[in-house]
Amino acid sequence: MMDPRDGFWQEIFNGELDYPTVRSYIMRKGIVQGLAYRFKVKAAYFNGYSPESADASIYSCTVPS
């Protein structure tokens, strides 16, 4: 995720290390209403990692609860 407040990309979930069967993840902390957050993903499999996806912007219209 790229946080618009600092412009840096950070890993928010690593299924390879945490839970390899998880297929979705919900961000609830640190999200600021009205800002656009950018996300990209890559998959880990037995041959290594896939290329990163193109990034997608998602706007937080209300603070998740």
C-alpha atoms as a PDB file:
ATOM      1  CA  MET A   1       0.000   0.000   0.000  1.00  0.00           C
ATOM      2  CA  MET A   2       1.223   3.496  -0.746  1.00  0.00           C
ATOM      3  CA  ASP A   3       0.236   5.846   2.043  1.00  0.00           C
ATOM      4  CA  PRO A   4      -0.574   9.266   0.546  1.00  0.00           C
ATOM      5  CA  ARG A   5       0.698  11.001   3.679  1.00  0.00           C
ATOM      6  CA  ASP A   6       4.322   9.932   3.151  1.00  0.00           C
ATOM      7  CA  GLY A   7       4.442   8.535  -0.412  1.00  0.00           C
ATOM      8  CA  PHE A   8       6.146   5.281   0.571  1.00  0.00           C
ATOM      9  CA  TRP A   9       5.058   1.758  -0.351  1.00  0.00           C
ATOM     10  CA  GLN A  10       4.710  -0.658   2.559  1.00  0.00           C
ATOM     11  CA  GLU A  11       3.790  -4.310   2.821  1.00  0.00           C
ATOM     12  CA  ILE A  12       0.503  -4.679   4.655  1.00  0.00           C
ATOM     13  CA  PHE A  13       0.034  -8.433   4.469  1.00  0.00           C
ATOM     14  CA  ASN A  14       2.311 -11.358   3.660  1.00  0.00           C
ATOM     15  CA  GLY A  15       0.250 -14.508   3.204  1.00  0.00           C
ATOM     16  CA  GLU A  16       3.355 -16.611   2.658  1.00  0.00           C
ATOM     17  CA  LEU A  17       4.479 -15.897   6.212  1.00  0.00           C
ATOM     18  CA  ASP A  18       1.160 -15.298   7.935  1.00  0.00           C
ATOM     19  CA  TYR A  19      -1.756 -17.301   6.554  1.00  0.00           C
ATOM     20  CA  PRO A  20      -1.305 -18.743   3.055  1.00  0.00           C
ATOM     21  CA  THR A  21      -5.002 -19.625   2.762  1.00  0.00           C
ATOM     22  CA  VAL A  22      -6.242 -16.024   3.284  1.00  0.00           C
ATOM     23  CA  ARG A  23      -7.546 -14.517   0.036  1.00  0.00           C
ATOM     24  CA  SER A  24      -8.698 -11.125   1.305  1.00  0.00           C
ATOM     25  CA  TYR A  25      -7.541  -8.582   3.847  1.00  0.00           C
ATOM     26  CA  ILE A  26      -9.326  -5.567   5.380  1.00  0.00           C
ATOM     27  CA  MET A  27      -7.480  -2.402   6.405  1.00  0.00           C
ATOM     28  CA  ARG A  28      -9.071  -0.808   9.474  1.00  0.00           C
ATOM     29  CA  LYS A  29      -6.293   1.159  11.168  1.00  0.00           C
ATOM     30  CA  GLY A  30      -4.561   4.305   9.990  1.00  0.00           C
ATOM     31  CA  ILE A  31      -6.962   5.060   7.127  1.00  0.00           C
ATOM     32  CA  VAL A  32      -7.789   8.762   6.721  1.00  0.00           C
ATOM     33  CA  GLN A  33     -11.137   9.754   5.254  1.00  0.00           C
ATOM     34  CA  GLY A  34     -10.937  11.443   1.845  1.00  0.00           C
ATOM     35  CA  LEU A  35      -7.433  10.266   0.881  1.00  0.00           C
ATOM     36  CA  ALA A  36      -6.590   8.000  -2.051  1.00  0.00           C
ATOM     37  CA  TYR A  37      -4.590   4.900  -1.163  1.00  0.00           C
ATOM     38  CA  ARG A  38      -2.758   2.914  -3.838  1.00  0.00           C
ATOM     39  CA  PHE A  39      -2.455  -0.850  -3.740  1.00  0.00           C
ATOM     40  CA  LYS A  40      -0.668  -3.507  -5.772  1.00  0.00           C
ATOM     41  CA  VAL A  41      -0.309  -7.232  -5.264  1.00  0.00           C
ATOM     42  CA  LYS A  42       2.003 -10.084  -6.136  1.00  0.00           C
ATOM     43  CA  ALA A  43       1.614 -13.808  -5.622  1.00  0.00           C
ATOM     44  CA  ALA A  44       4.058 -16.274  -4.114  1.00  0.00           C
ATOM     45  CA  TYR A  45       4.104 -19.796  -5.516  1.00  0.00           C
ATOM     46  CA  PHE A  46       6.542 -22.710  -5.717  1.00  0.00           C
ATOM     47  CA  ASN A  47       8.631 -21.071  -8.497  1.00  0.00           C
ATOM     48  CA  GLY A  48       8.947 -17.747  -6.683  1.00  0.00           C
ATOM     49  CA  TYR A  49       6.971 -14.532  -6.983  1.00  0.00           C
ATOM     50  CA  SER A  50       4.765 -13.219  -9.751  1.00  0.00           C
ATOM     51  CA  PRO A  51       5.382  -9.754 -11.169  1.00  0.00           C
ATOM     52  CA  GLU A  52       3.644  -6.989  -9.232  1.00  0.00           C
ATOM     53  CA  SER A  53       0.230  -5.959 -10.500  1.00  0.00           C
ATOM     54  CA  ALA A  54      -0.471  -2.478 -11.777  1.00  0.00           C
ATOM     55  CA  ASP A  55      -1.432  -0.250  -8.875  1.00  0.00           C
ATOM     56  CA  ALA A  56      -5.052   0.689  -8.191  1.00  0.00           C
ATOM     57  CA  SER A  57      -6.257   3.725  -6.267  1.00  0.00           C
ATOM     58  CA  ILE A  58      -8.961   3.366  -3.664  1.00  0.00           C
ATOM     59  CA  TYR A  59     -10.536   6.314  -1.877  1.00  0.00           C
ATOM     60  CA  SER A  60     -11.619   6.121   1.729  1.00  0.00           C
ATOM     61  CA  CYS A  61     -14.976   7.884   1.784  1.00  0.00           C
ATOM     62  CA  THR A  62     -15.773   6.988   5.384  1.00  0.00           C
ATOM     63  CA  VAL A  63     -13.554   5.647   8.123  1.00  0.00           C
ATOM     64  CA  PRO A  64     -14.004   1.839   8.267  1.00  0.00           C
ATOM     65  CA  SER A  65     -15.461   0.527  11.503  1.00  0.00           C
END
